[in-house]
Protein backbone atom coordinates (compact mmCIF):
# COMPACT_ATOMS: atom_id res chain seq x y z
CA MET A 1 -80.13 103.73 -87.07
CA ASN A 2 -76.38 102.82 -85.99
CA ALA A 3 -75.95 105.06 -82.78
CA LEU A 4 -72.46 105.73 -84.11
CA ASN A 5 -73.97 107.75 -86.93
CA VAL A 6 -76.36 109.94 -84.68
CA GLN A 7 -75.29 113.51 -85.14
CA PRO A 8 -74.61 115.52 -81.92
CA GLU A 9 -77.18 117.92 -80.53
CA THR A 10 -76.30 121.54 -80.79
CA LEU A 11 -77.40 124.51 -78.11
CA GLN A 12 -76.62 128.24 -78.57
CA PHE A 13 -77.07 130.78 -75.96
CA ASP A 14 -75.69 134.29 -75.14
CA LEU A 15 -74.44 135.48 -71.98
CA GLU A 16 -75.72 138.90 -70.70
CA PRO A 17 -74.71 141.53 -69.86
CA VAL A 18 -71.67 141.93 -72.16
CA ASP A 19 -68.64 142.34 -70.28
CA ALA A 20 -65.31 141.96 -71.62
CA ARG A 21 -63.50 141.40 -68.19
CA ARG A 22 -66.24 138.83 -66.95
CA PHE A 23 -65.84 136.87 -70.19
CA ALA A 24 -62.09 136.73 -69.71
CA GLU A 25 -62.35 135.46 -66.05
CA LEU A 26 -65.20 132.96 -67.23
CA CYS A 27 -63.04 131.62 -70.03
CA GLY A 28 -59.72 131.75 -68.10
CA GLN A 29 -55.97 131.96 -69.39
CA PHE A 30 -56.15 130.46 -72.80
CA ASN A 31 -59.55 129.21 -72.47
CA GLU A 32 -58.52 126.75 -69.58
CA HIS A 33 -61.92 126.80 -67.77
CA LEU A 34 -63.84 126.22 -71.08
CA LYS A 35 -61.26 123.29 -71.94
CA GLN A 36 -61.93 121.94 -68.28
CA ILE A 37 -65.68 121.88 -68.91
CA GLU A 38 -65.06 119.99 -72.64
CA LYS A 39 -63.00 117.61 -71.17
CA ARG A 40 -65.02 116.49 -68.25
CA LEU A 41 -68.32 116.53 -69.95
CA GLY A 42 -67.18 115.04 -73.38
CA ILE A 43 -68.67 117.92 -75.32
CA ARG A 44 -67.22 120.84 -77.60
CA ILE A 45 -67.74 124.40 -76.63
CA SER A 46 -67.10 127.36 -79.46
CA ASN A 47 -67.70 130.97 -78.71
CA ARG A 48 -67.58 134.53 -80.15
CA SER A 49 -67.79 137.03 -77.32
CA GLN A 50 -71.03 136.56 -75.63
CA HIS A 51 -72.33 133.87 -77.91
CA PHE A 52 -71.78 130.31 -77.30
CA GLU A 53 -72.40 127.03 -78.95
CA LEU A 54 -72.16 123.62 -77.22
CA SER A 55 -72.28 120.23 -79.11
CA GLY A 56 -72.77 117.02 -77.62
CA GLU A 57 -75.62 114.84 -76.08
CA LEU A 58 -78.54 116.97 -75.26
CA GLU A 59 -78.71 116.46 -71.48
CA THR A 60 -74.86 117.09 -71.27
CA ILE A 61 -74.82 120.29 -73.15
CA LYS A 62 -77.69 121.57 -71.00
CA ALA A 63 -75.80 120.94 -67.93
CA ALA A 64 -72.94 122.45 -69.35
CA GLU A 65 -75.00 125.62 -70.13
CA ASN A 66 -75.90 125.67 -66.60
CA VAL A 67 -72.45 125.61 -65.49
CA ILE A 68 -71.34 128.28 -67.77
CA GLN A 69 -74.38 130.65 -66.90
CA ARG A 70 -73.52 130.11 -63.19
CA LEU A 71 -69.88 130.61 -63.52
CA TYR A 72 -70.50 133.64 -65.41
CA GLY A 73 -72.74 134.74 -62.51
CA GLU A 74 -69.67 134.26 -60.10
CA THR A 75 -67.71 136.89 -62.05
CA THR A 76 -69.80 139.75 -60.59
CA ALA A 77 -67.95 142.01 -58.09
CA ASN A 78 -64.77 141.17 -59.68
CA ASN A 79 -65.13 137.75 -58.16
CA SER A 80 -62.38 135.14 -59.72
CA VAL A 81 -63.32 131.93 -61.44
CA THR A 82 -60.74 129.13 -60.57
CA PRO A 83 -60.20 125.72 -61.82
CA GLU A 84 -61.41 124.44 -58.33
CA MET A 85 -64.83 126.35 -58.69
CA VAL A 86 -65.28 125.10 -62.21
CA HIS A 87 -64.53 121.55 -60.68
CA LEU A 88 -67.08 122.16 -57.92
CA TYR A 89 -69.64 123.10 -60.47
CA LEU A 90 -69.08 120.20 -62.69
CA GLN A 91 -69.52 117.70 -59.80
CA GLU A 92 -73.05 119.21 -59.47
CA THR A 93 -74.01 118.34 -62.74
CA GLY A 94 -74.22 114.80 -61.49
CA MET A 95 -77.39 115.80 -59.86
CA ASP A 96 -80.86 116.86 -61.13
CA GLN A 97 -80.52 120.32 -62.41
CA THR A 98 -83.25 121.53 -59.98
CA GLU A 99 -80.71 120.40 -57.15
CA ALA A 100 -77.69 121.58 -58.94
CA GLN A 101 -79.17 125.24 -58.94
CA GLN A 102 -78.55 127.44 -55.87
CA SER A 103 -81.90 128.03 -54.43
CA GLN A 104 -83.33 130.08 -51.80
CA ASP A 105 -83.63 127.10 -49.54
CA ASP A 106 -79.90 126.41 -49.78
CA VAL A 107 -77.91 126.89 -46.61
CA VAL A 108 -75.41 129.64 -46.63
CA ILE A 109 -72.87 130.21 -43.93
CA LYS A 110 -72.14 133.74 -42.95
CA THR A 111 -68.66 134.86 -41.93
CA ARG A 112 -67.01 138.17 -41.50
CA LYS A 113 -64.89 137.49 -44.89
CA GLY A 114 -67.99 136.72 -46.81
CA LEU A 115 -70.49 133.93 -47.41
CA ILE A 116 -69.80 130.27 -47.69
CA ARG A 117 -71.96 127.87 -49.85
CA PRO A 118 -71.77 124.08 -49.26
CA ARG A 119 -71.49 122.30 -52.56
CA GLY A 120 -73.53 119.68 -53.44
CA LYS A 121 -76.20 117.58 -51.65
CA ASN A 122 -74.13 115.96 -48.89
CA GLN A 123 -72.50 119.12 -47.92
CA GLN A 124 -75.81 120.94 -47.75
CA HIS A 125 -77.14 118.00 -45.62
CA TYR A 126 -74.10 118.24 -43.53
CA VAL A 127 -74.38 121.88 -42.58
CA ARG A 128 -78.11 121.63 -41.95
CA THR A 129 -77.53 118.67 -39.37
CA ILE A 130 -74.96 120.69 -37.59
CA LEU A 131 -77.38 123.44 -37.44
CA GLU A 132 -80.36 121.27 -36.04
CA ASN A 133 -78.34 119.04 -33.67
CA ASP A 134 -76.00 119.38 -30.61
CA ILE A 135 -73.94 116.64 -31.52
CA ASN A 136 -72.96 115.70 -35.03
CA PHE A 137 -70.56 113.36 -36.88
CA GLY A 138 -68.99 113.93 -40.21
CA VAL A 139 -67.39 111.03 -41.64
CA GLY A 140 -65.44 110.60 -44.84
CA PRO A 141 -62.27 110.77 -46.90
CA ALA A 142 -59.96 113.75 -47.06
CA GLY A 143 -61.26 116.85 -49.35
CA THR A 144 -64.82 116.54 -48.64
CA GLY A 145 -65.03 119.53 -46.57
CA LYS A 146 -65.75 118.14 -43.21
CA THR A 147 -63.52 120.13 -41.09
CA TYR A 148 -63.66 123.32 -43.25
CA LEU A 149 -67.52 123.44 -42.90
CA ALA A 150 -67.63 122.64 -39.59
CA VAL A 151 -65.34 125.52 -38.66
CA ALA A 152 -67.31 127.84 -40.88
CA CYS A 153 -70.24 126.83 -38.78
CA ALA A 154 -68.51 127.45 -35.51
CA VAL A 155 -67.42 130.98 -36.85
CA GLN A 156 -70.79 131.75 -37.86
CA ALA A 157 -72.17 130.80 -34.38
CA LEU A 158 -69.53 132.91 -32.71
CA GLU A 159 -70.05 135.99 -34.77
CA GLN A 160 -73.74 135.57 -34.23
CA GLU A 161 -73.12 135.43 -30.41
CA GLU A 162 -74.87 132.14 -30.28
CA VAL A 163 -71.66 130.66 -28.59
CA ARG A 164 -69.30 132.30 -26.35
CA ARG A 165 -66.25 130.38 -27.71
CA ILE A 166 -64.63 127.95 -30.11
CA LEU A 167 -62.78 124.95 -29.20
CA LEU A 168 -60.59 123.02 -31.60
CA VAL A 169 -59.45 119.72 -30.54
CA ARG A 170 -57.50 116.76 -31.95
CA PRO A 171 -56.03 113.58 -30.63
CA ALA A 172 -52.42 113.70 -30.15
CA VAL A 173 -51.75 110.76 -32.77
CA GLU A 174 -50.35 111.06 -36.17
CA ALA A 175 -49.60 108.83 -39.03
CA GLY A 176 -46.55 106.73 -37.76
CA GLU A 177 -44.98 110.17 -36.07
CA LYS A 178 -43.90 110.22 -32.55
CA LEU A 179 -44.76 113.36 -31.07
CA GLY A 180 -42.04 112.86 -28.33
CA PHE A 181 -39.27 113.56 -30.79
CA LEU A 182 -40.79 116.93 -31.55
CA PRO A 183 -39.56 120.13 -29.47
CA GLY A 184 -41.64 121.94 -26.77
CA ASP A 185 -44.36 121.03 -24.26
CA LEU A 186 -47.46 119.06 -25.51
CA ALA A 187 -49.54 122.18 -26.72
CA GLN A 188 -46.38 123.04 -28.97
CA LYS A 189 -46.07 119.33 -30.12
CA ILE A 190 -49.68 119.29 -31.24
CA ASP A 191 -49.72 122.79 -32.80
CA PRO A 192 -48.39 121.61 -36.42
CA TYR A 193 -51.16 118.95 -36.65
CA LEU A 194 -54.01 121.75 -35.87
CA ARG A 195 -52.60 123.71 -38.72
CA PRO A 196 -55.51 123.15 -40.92
CA LEU A 197 -57.98 124.28 -38.23
CA TYR A 198 -55.81 127.26 -37.94
CA ASP A 199 -55.89 128.08 -41.76
CA ALA A 200 -59.49 127.87 -42.14
CA LEU A 201 -59.97 130.39 -39.25
CA TYR A 202 -57.39 132.83 -40.73
CA GLU A 203 -59.50 132.56 -44.17
CA MET A 204 -62.53 133.35 -42.29
CA LEU A 205 -61.67 135.80 -39.62
CA GLY A 206 -58.36 137.09 -40.91
CA PHE A 207 -55.07 136.61 -39.08
CA ASP A 208 -55.04 139.52 -36.86
CA ARG A 209 -58.51 138.77 -35.31
CA VAL A 210 -57.76 135.17 -34.77
CA THR A 211 -54.70 136.02 -33.00
CA ARG A 212 -56.52 138.41 -30.49
CA LEU A 213 -59.31 135.94 -30.00
CA ILE A 214 -56.94 132.87 -29.07
CA GLU A 215 -55.08 135.36 -26.71
CA LYS A 216 -58.31 136.22 -25.17
CA ASN A 217 -59.11 132.38 -24.88
CA VAL A 218 -62.15 132.99 -26.97
CA ILE A 219 -60.62 130.62 -29.54
CA GLU A 220 -58.91 127.71 -27.91
CA VAL A 221 -56.86 125.18 -29.70
CA ALA A 222 -56.16 122.09 -27.85
CA PRO A 223 -54.99 118.52 -27.90
CA LEU A 224 -57.77 116.04 -26.78
CA ALA A 225 -55.97 114.99 -23.46
CA TYR A 226 -56.59 118.86 -22.04
CA MET A 227 -60.19 118.02 -22.29
CA ARG A 228 -60.60 115.70 -19.10
CA GLY A 229 -62.44 117.04 -16.26
CA ARG A 230 -63.87 119.97 -18.22
CA THR A 231 -67.68 120.94 -18.64
CA LEU A 232 -67.91 123.09 -21.92
CA ASN A 233 -70.91 125.42 -21.70
CA ASN A 234 -71.95 127.96 -24.46
CA ALA A 235 -69.15 126.67 -26.93
CA PHE A 236 -68.88 125.20 -30.42
CA ILE A 237 -66.49 122.25 -29.99
CA ILE A 238 -64.90 120.55 -33.09
CA LEU A 239 -62.93 117.19 -32.79
CA ASP A 240 -60.76 116.67 -35.85
CA GLU A 241 -59.39 113.34 -36.77
CA SER A 242 -61.42 111.84 -34.21
CA GLN A 243 -60.65 108.34 -35.91
CA ASN A 244 -57.53 108.31 -33.78
CA THR A 245 -59.38 108.57 -30.66
CA THR A 246 -59.64 105.34 -28.29
CA THR A 247 -63.29 104.40 -26.97
CA GLU A 248 -62.30 105.74 -23.80
CA GLN A 249 -61.26 109.24 -25.09
CA MET A 250 -64.38 109.46 -27.29
CA LYS A 251 -66.72 108.77 -24.56
CA MET A 252 -64.89 111.59 -22.22
CA PHE A 253 -65.18 113.76 -24.95
CA LEU A 254 -68.81 113.40 -25.55
CA THR A 255 -69.61 113.65 -21.99
CA ARG A 256 -67.83 117.09 -21.60
CA ILE A 257 -70.72 118.84 -23.91
CA GLY A 258 -72.53 121.30 -21.64
CA PHE A 259 -75.59 123.62 -22.00
CA GLY A 260 -75.72 125.84 -25.10
CA SER A 261 -73.02 123.94 -26.76
CA THR A 262 -72.46 122.46 -30.10
CA ALA A 263 -70.13 119.46 -30.88
CA VAL A 264 -68.69 118.50 -34.36
CA ILE A 265 -66.69 115.25 -34.45
CA THR A 266 -65.23 114.66 -37.92
CA GLY A 267 -62.93 111.75 -39.16
CA ASP A 268 -61.96 109.16 -41.72
CA ILE A 269 -62.49 105.43 -40.34
CA THR A 270 -60.24 104.27 -43.48
CA GLN A 271 -57.07 106.64 -41.96
CA ILE A 272 -56.73 104.93 -38.40
CA ASP A 273 -53.26 105.23 -37.00
CA LEU A 274 -54.09 103.81 -33.34
CA PRO A 275 -51.96 100.84 -32.32
CA ARG A 276 -52.83 97.48 -33.70
CA ASN A 277 -55.88 95.85 -31.91
CA THR A 278 -56.95 99.26 -30.67
CA LYS A 279 -60.62 99.99 -31.76
CA SER A 280 -61.32 103.29 -32.95
CA GLY A 281 -63.39 105.60 -30.72
CA LEU A 282 -65.29 107.13 -33.75
CA ARG A 283 -66.18 103.89 -35.16
CA HIS A 284 -67.40 102.55 -31.72
CA ALA A 285 -69.44 105.73 -31.18
CA LEU A 286 -70.99 105.48 -34.65
CA GLU A 287 -72.00 102.17 -33.89
CA VAL A 288 -73.34 102.81 -30.00
CA LEU A 289 -74.91 106.51 -30.73
CA GLU A 290 -77.02 105.17 -34.05
CA GLY A 291 -80.55 106.42 -33.75
CA VAL A 292 -79.88 108.47 -30.54
CA ASN A 293 -82.20 111.67 -30.68
CA GLY A 294 -80.27 114.95 -30.81
CA ILE A 295 -77.09 113.40 -32.48
CA GLY A 296 -76.64 113.86 -36.10
CA SER A 297 -74.30 111.66 -38.70
CA VAL A 298 -73.35 112.45 -42.12
CA ARG A 299 -71.33 110.31 -44.29
CA PHE A 300 -69.20 111.63 -47.13
CA ASN A 301 -67.87 109.31 -50.10
CA SER A 302 -65.44 109.94 -52.88
CA LYS A 303 -68.04 111.56 -55.06
CA ASP A 304 -68.16 114.56 -52.40
CA VAL A 305 -64.22 115.12 -52.68
CA VAL A 306 -63.95 118.95 -53.64
CA ARG A 307 -59.94 118.96 -54.16
CA HIS A 308 -58.07 118.01 -57.37
CA PRO A 309 -60.08 115.41 -59.57
CA LEU A 310 -57.21 113.11 -58.85
CA VAL A 311 -57.97 112.80 -55.21
CA GLN A 312 -61.53 111.48 -55.95
CA ARG A 313 -59.98 108.87 -58.11
CA ILE A 314 -57.28 107.98 -55.63
CA VAL A 315 -60.01 107.64 -52.90
CA GLU A 316 -61.99 105.45 -55.17
CA ALA A 317 -58.90 103.14 -56.05
CA TYR A 318 -57.95 102.65 -52.61
CA ASP A 319 -61.57 101.56 -51.60
CA ARG A 320 -61.67 99.08 -54.65
CA TYR A 321 -58.36 97.61 -53.28
CA GLU A 322 -59.30 97.35 -49.73
CA ASN A 323 -62.75 95.83 -50.62
CA HIS A 324 -60.83 93.37 -52.88
CA MET A 325 -58.48 92.49 -50.10
CA GLU A 326 -61.23 92.04 -47.36
CA GLN A 327 -63.00 89.64 -50.20
CA GLY A 328 -60.06 87.61 -50.60
CA GLN A 329 -59.37 87.22 -46.68
CA GLN A 330 -62.90 86.17 -46.27
CA LYS A 331 -62.41 83.43 -48.98
């Protein structure tokens, strides 16, 4: 039989319990969430109240049922379903169904503002690695959750009194911009570049509590230059944008780690803003420290991007272009 004439499979199921508010939250305004699932999986969805009928390839509609059931579960306790949440659940359909479902063994980060669940196999592996090692590298493109999950782990460690303080560090190098033209001292110059770290803290702890903890020096946000000469005990230290460290700066930072401390070094080696012919400290450290006991390393790729779907396609397009250019230079 010609494959073009094969009739699509259908799958019917009911969502329980029946709740008009939850159905509205699941479907979204003008059924935007259902349309998002249809478009991404190439299926058709029709529903009347709690009764759903899906049409398409059998494996795909089974995955779609799983997504819909899980999203409906998210609507309990007045939780909101967002396009971002739908996107995350759809990404997980590329895995085995047993992996896509949340299990009791999945890592969950507990913060004052609620639970944070890493999405997908790589984020789960990343958080486990942070919990199991004193020094950890998270490397990959923007939007993969490297920094956000590291801050979440730091907040959990502080809340559970596993550490006494959190240090958030960045090198004072940014994409072609000269810090010298910004007003204020070095701390004030670097402050705008630390904004993503602040935002994550505000979300997890609340603005007022973060402000109080910074005043008490329990949370310290500082440029990398301020780390020289210090030994950091009982602290959770995050070095963000570490691709912009020199090899000397990276060695200096790694040797600051004291007893009872955890360090997470995040970065994207495709976004290096150092002067030409200056080797990235992150790239160098990954080579030197590979296989060293007690040091964890997780690499993310475009499939792990949890922002707008276009971000994933942009990262993939840049990767293809750079690979093509490298191959051309080799010839």
